[in-house]
Amino acid sequence: MNQRVKRTQRDYTLAFKQAVVDEVERGELTYKQAQARHGIQGRSTVLK
């Protein structure tokens, strides 16, 4: 059983946020792929 942990924005460190944004900006992942890979729930968490 593959269970995902629900996270809030407070769970993300600044370094984590920057790393995810870098992946998306470099074109390595779409924002949807980044959400799935890192367990991010909200769309705006990645886009903003």
PDB file of N, CA and C in Angstrom:
ATOM      1  N   MET A   1       0.847  -1.170   0.000  1.00  0.00           N
ATOM      2  CA  MET A   1       0.000   0.000   0.000  1.00  0.00           C
ATOM      3  C   MET A   1       0.893   1.235   0.000  1.00  0.00           C
ATOM      4  N   ASN A   2       0.696   2.110  -0.995  1.00  0.00           N
ATOM      5  CA  ASN A   2       1.501   3.325  -1.116  1.00  0.00           C
ATOM      6  C   ASN A   2       0.708   4.504  -0.584  1.00  0.00           C
ATOM      7  N   GLN A   3       1.042   4.944   0.623  1.00  0.00           N
ATOM      8  CA  GLN A   3       0.316   6.028   1.257  1.00  0.00           C
ATOM      9  C   GLN A   3       1.121   7.316   1.166  1.00  0.00           C
ATOM     10  N   ARG A   4       0.451   8.380   0.815  1.00  0.00           N
ATOM     11  CA  ARG A   4       1.106   9.686   0.739  1.00  0.00           C
ATOM     12  C   ARG A   4       0.794  10.483   1.987  1.00  0.00           C
ATOM     13  N   VAL A   5       1.760  11.260   2.414  1.00  0.00           N
ATOM     14  CA  VAL A   5       1.586  12.101   3.587  1.00  0.00           C
ATOM     15  C   VAL A   5       1.041  13.444   3.136  1.00  0.00           C
ATOM     16  N   LYS A   6      -0.020  13.895   3.769  1.00  0.00           N
ATOM     17  CA  LYS A   6      -0.551  15.218   3.455  1.00  0.00           C
ATOM     18  C   LYS A   6       0.370  16.254   4.089  1.00  0.00           C
ATOM     19  N   ARG A   7       0.721  17.252   3.285  1.00  0.00           N
ATOM     20  CA  ARG A   7       1.637  18.275   3.772  1.00  0.00           C
ATOM     21  C   ARG A   7       0.978  19.642   3.677  1.00  0.00           C
ATOM     22  N   THR A   8       1.458  20.561   4.477  1.00  0.00           N
ATOM     23  CA  THR A   8       1.013  21.946   4.381  1.00  0.00           C
ATOM     24  C   THR A   8       2.192  22.785   3.921  1.00  0.00           C
ATOM     25  N   GLN A   9       1.936  24.016   3.531  1.00  0.00           N
ATOM     26  CA  GLN A   9       3.017  24.870   3.065  1.00  0.00           C
ATOM     27  C   GLN A   9       4.073  25.078   4.152  1.00  0.00           C
ATOM     28  N   ARG A  10       3.670  25.016   5.388  1.00  0.00           N
ATOM     29  CA  ARG A  10       4.618  25.202   6.485  1.00  0.00           C
ATOM     30  C   ARG A  10       5.645  24.077   6.565  1.00  0.00           C
ATOM     31  N   ASP A  11       5.322  22.942   5.963  1.00  0.00           N
ATOM     32  CA  ASP A  11       6.233  21.796   5.993  1.00  0.00           C
ATOM     33  C   ASP A  11       7.426  21.976   5.060  1.00  0.00           C
ATOM     34  N   TYR A  12       7.339  22.927   4.141  1.00  0.00           N
ATOM     35  CA  TYR A  12       8.368  23.087   3.127  1.00  0.00           C
ATOM     36  C   TYR A  12       9.409  24.108   3.552  1.00  0.00           C
ATOM     37  N   THR A  13      10.664  23.703   3.521  1.00  0.00           N
ATOM     38  CA  THR A  13      11.735  24.649   3.824  1.00  0.00           C
ATOM     39  C   THR A  13      11.972  25.530   2.608  1.00  0.00           C
ATOM     40  N   LEU A  14      12.635  26.643   2.807  1.00  0.00           N
ATOM     41  CA  LEU A  14      12.949  27.530   1.696  1.00  0.00           C
ATOM     42  C   LEU A  14      13.813  26.811   0.668  1.00  0.00           C
ATOM     43  N   ALA A  15      14.762  26.025   1.122  1.00  0.00           N
ATOM     44  CA  ALA A  15      15.636  25.283   0.206  1.00  0.00           C
ATOM     45  C   ALA A  15      14.826  24.291  -0.634  1.00  0.00           C
ATOM     46  N   PHE A  16      13.863  23.615  -0.019  1.00  0.00           N
ATOM     47  CA  PHE A  16      13.011  22.670  -0.743  1.00  0.00           C
ATOM     48  C   PHE A  16      12.208  23.403  -1.810  1.00  0.00           C
ATOM     49  N   LYS A  17      11.620  24.534  -1.430  1.00  0.00           N
ATOM     50  CA  LYS A  17      10.814  25.308  -2.373  1.00  0.00           C
ATOM     51  C   LYS A  17      11.659  25.751  -3.565  1.00  0.00           C
ATOM     52  N   GLN A  18      12.856  26.237  -3.285  1.00  0.00           N
ATOM     53  CA  GLN A  18      13.727  26.702  -4.359  1.00  0.00           C
ATOM     54  C   GLN A  18      14.146  25.557  -5.276  1.00  0.00           C
ATOM     55  N   ALA A  19      14.393  24.394  -4.708  1.00  0.00           N
ATOM     56  CA  ALA A  19      14.792  23.238  -5.511  1.00  0.00           C
ATOM     57  C   ALA A  19      13.661  22.806  -6.443  1.00  0.00           C
ATOM     58  N   VAL A  20      12.437  22.817  -5.944  1.00  0.00           N
ATOM     59  CA  VAL A  20      11.292  22.427  -6.772  1.00  0.00           C
ATOM     60  C   VAL A  20      11.090  23.445  -7.895  1.00  0.00           C
ATOM     61  N   VAL A  21      11.157  24.722  -7.564  1.00  0.00           N
ATOM     62  CA  VAL A  21      10.997  25.770  -8.579  1.00  0.00           C
ATOM     63  C   VAL A  21      12.101  25.664  -9.626  1.00  0.00           C
ATOM     64  N   ASP A  22      13.322  25.392  -9.199  1.00  0.00           N
ATOM     65  CA  ASP A  22      14.431  25.230 -10.148  1.00  0.00           C
ATOM     66  C   ASP A  22      14.167  24.083 -11.116  1.00  0.00           C
ATOM     67  N   GLU A  23      13.656  22.970 -10.610  1.00  0.00           N
ATOM     68  CA  GLU A  23      13.343  21.827 -11.476  1.00  0.00           C
ATOM     69  C   GLU A  23      12.320  22.207 -12.547  1.00  0.00           C
ATOM     70  N   VAL A  24      11.313  22.960 -12.140  1.00  0.00           N
ATOM     71  CA  VAL A  24      10.258  23.358 -13.074  1.00  0.00           C
ATOM     72  C   VAL A  24      10.794  24.384 -14.064  1.00  0.00           C
ATOM     73  N   GLU A  25      11.547  25.369 -13.573  1.00  0.00           N
ATOM     74  CA  GLU A  25      12.059  26.417 -14.457  1.00  0.00           C
ATOM     75  C   GLU A  25      13.064  25.874 -15.478  1.00  0.00           C
ATOM     76  N   ARG A  26      13.832  24.881 -15.095  1.00  0.00           N
ATOM     77  CA  ARG A  26      14.796  24.278 -16.018  1.00  0.00           C
ATOM     78  C   ARG A  26      14.127  23.352 -17.025  1.00  0.00           C
ATOM     79  N   GLY A  27      12.851  23.072 -16.812  1.00  0.00           N
ATOM     80  CA  GLY A  27      12.117  22.220 -17.733  1.00  0.00           C
ATOM     81  C   GLY A  27      12.280  20.736 -17.455  1.00  0.00           C
ATOM     82  N   GLU A  28      12.854  20.400 -16.309  1.00  0.00           N
ATOM     83  CA  GLU A  28      13.024  18.989 -15.941  1.00  0.00           C
ATOM     84  C   GLU A  28      11.682  18.348 -15.625  1.00  0.00           C
ATOM     85  N   LEU A  29      10.779  19.127 -15.036  1.00  0.00           N
ATOM     86  CA  LEU A  29       9.448  18.649 -14.667  1.00  0.00           C
ATOM     87  C   LEU A  29       8.422  19.719 -14.978  1.00  0.00           C
ATOM     88  N   THR A  30       7.195  19.291 -15.260  1.00  0.00           N
ATOM     89  CA  THR A  30       6.092  20.250 -15.290  1.00  0.00           C
ATOM     90  C   THR A  30       5.671  20.470 -13.838  1.00  0.00           C
ATOM     91  N   TYR A  31       4.865  21.498 -13.607  1.00  0.00           N
ATOM     92  CA  TYR A  31       4.458  21.722 -12.221  1.00  0.00           C
ATOM     93  C   TYR A  31       3.624  20.545 -11.719  1.00  0.00           C
ATOM     94  N   LYS A  32       2.864  19.899 -12.592  1.00  0.00           N
ATOM     95  CA  LYS A  32       2.065  18.740 -12.175  1.00  0.00           C
ATOM     96  C   LYS A  32       2.965  17.558 -11.805  1.00  0.00           C
ATOM     97  N   GLN A  33       4.034  17.368 -12.570  1.00  0.00           N
ATOM     98  CA  GLN A  33       4.983  16.296 -12.256  1.00  0.00           C
ATOM     99  C   GLN A  33       5.688  16.589 -10.930  1.00  0.00           C
ATOM    100  N   ALA A  34       6.037  17.849 -10.711  1.00  0.00           N
ATOM    101  CA  ALA A  34       6.688  18.236  -9.455  1.00  0.00           C
ATOM    102  C   ALA A  34       5.762  17.988  -8.273  1.00  0.00           C
ATOM    103  N   GLN A  35       4.481  18.313  -8.450  1.00  0.00           N
ATOM    104  CA  GLN A  35       3.513  18.054  -7.384  1.00  0.00           C
ATOM    105  C   GLN A  35       3.461  16.573  -7.044  1.00  0.00           C
ATOM    106  N   ALA A  36       3.372  15.743  -8.061  1.00  0.00           N
ATOM    107  CA  ALA A  36       3.268  14.305  -7.839  1.00  0.00           C
ATOM    108  C   ALA A  36       4.539  13.740  -7.214  1.00  0.00           C
ATOM    109  N   ARG A  37       5.688  14.141  -7.722  1.00  0.00           N
ATOM    110  CA  ARG A  37       6.964  13.605  -7.231  1.00  0.00           C
ATOM    111  C   ARG A  37       7.223  13.980  -5.779  1.00  0.00           C
ATOM    112  N   HIS A  38       6.881  15.212  -5.415  1.00  0.00           N
ATOM    113  CA  HIS A  38       7.227  15.707  -4.088  1.00  0.00           C
ATOM    114  C   HIS A  38       6.061  15.698  -3.105  1.00  0.00           C
ATOM    115  N   GLY A  39       4.891  15.213  -3.529  1.00  0.00           N
ATOM    116  CA  GLY A  39       3.743  15.123  -2.620  1.00  0.00           C
ATOM    117  C   GLY A  39       3.134  16.468  -2.295  1.00  0.00           C
ATOM    118  N   ILE A  40       3.203  17.396  -3.229  1.00  0.00           N
ATOM    119  CA  ILE A  40       2.655  18.742  -3.028  1.00  0.00           C
ATOM    120  C   ILE A  40       1.210  18.710  -3.486  1.00  0.00           C
ATOM    121  N   GLN A  41       0.306  19.214  -2.639  1.00  0.00           N
ATOM    122  CA  GLN A  41      -1.104  19.108  -2.960  1.00  0.00           C
ATOM    123  C   GLN A  41      -1.648  20.302  -3.719  1.00  0.00           C
ATOM    124  N   GLY A  42      -1.337  21.493  -3.292  1.00  0.00           N
ATOM    125  CA  GLY A  42      -1.942  22.681  -3.895  1.00  0.00           C
ATOM    126  C   GLY A  42      -1.246  23.123  -5.167  1.00  0.00           C
ATOM    127  N   ARG A  43      -2.029  23.478  -6.162  1.00  0.00           N
ATOM    128  CA  ARG A  43      -1.491  23.925  -7.438  1.00  0.00           C
ATOM    129  C   ARG A  43      -0.664  25.194  -7.243  1.00  0.00           C
ATOM    130  N   SER A  44      -1.165  26.111  -6.448  1.00  0.00           N
ATOM    131  CA  SER A  44      -0.475  27.395  -6.279  1.00  0.00           C
ATOM    132  C   SER A  44       0.819  27.258  -5.479  1.00  0.00           C
ATOM    133  N   THR A  45       0.990  26.172  -4.772  1.00  0.00           N
ATOM    134  CA  THR A  45       2.224  25.973  -4.010  1.00  0.00           C
ATOM    135  C   THR A  45       3.432  25.962  -4.946  1.00  0.00           C
ATOM    136  N   VAL A  46       3.269  25.389  -6.102  1.00  0.00           N
ATOM    137  CA  VAL A  46       4.364  25.344  -7.073  1.00  0.00           C
ATOM    138  C   VAL A  46       4.357  26.589  -7.943  1.00  0.00           C
ATOM    139  N   LEU A  47       3.189  27.001  -8.371  1.00  0.00           N
ATOM    140  CA  LEU A  47       3.113  28.099  -9.336  1.00  0.00           C
ATOM    141  C   LEU A  47       3.438  29.460  -8.730  1.00  0.00           C
ATOM    142  N   LYS A  48       3.195  29.652  -7.455  1.00  0.00           N
ATOM    143  CA  LYS A  48       3.470  30.945  -6.826  1.00  0.00           C
ATOM    144  C   LYS A  48       4.738  30.852  -6.032  1.00  0.00           C
TER     145      LYS A  48
END
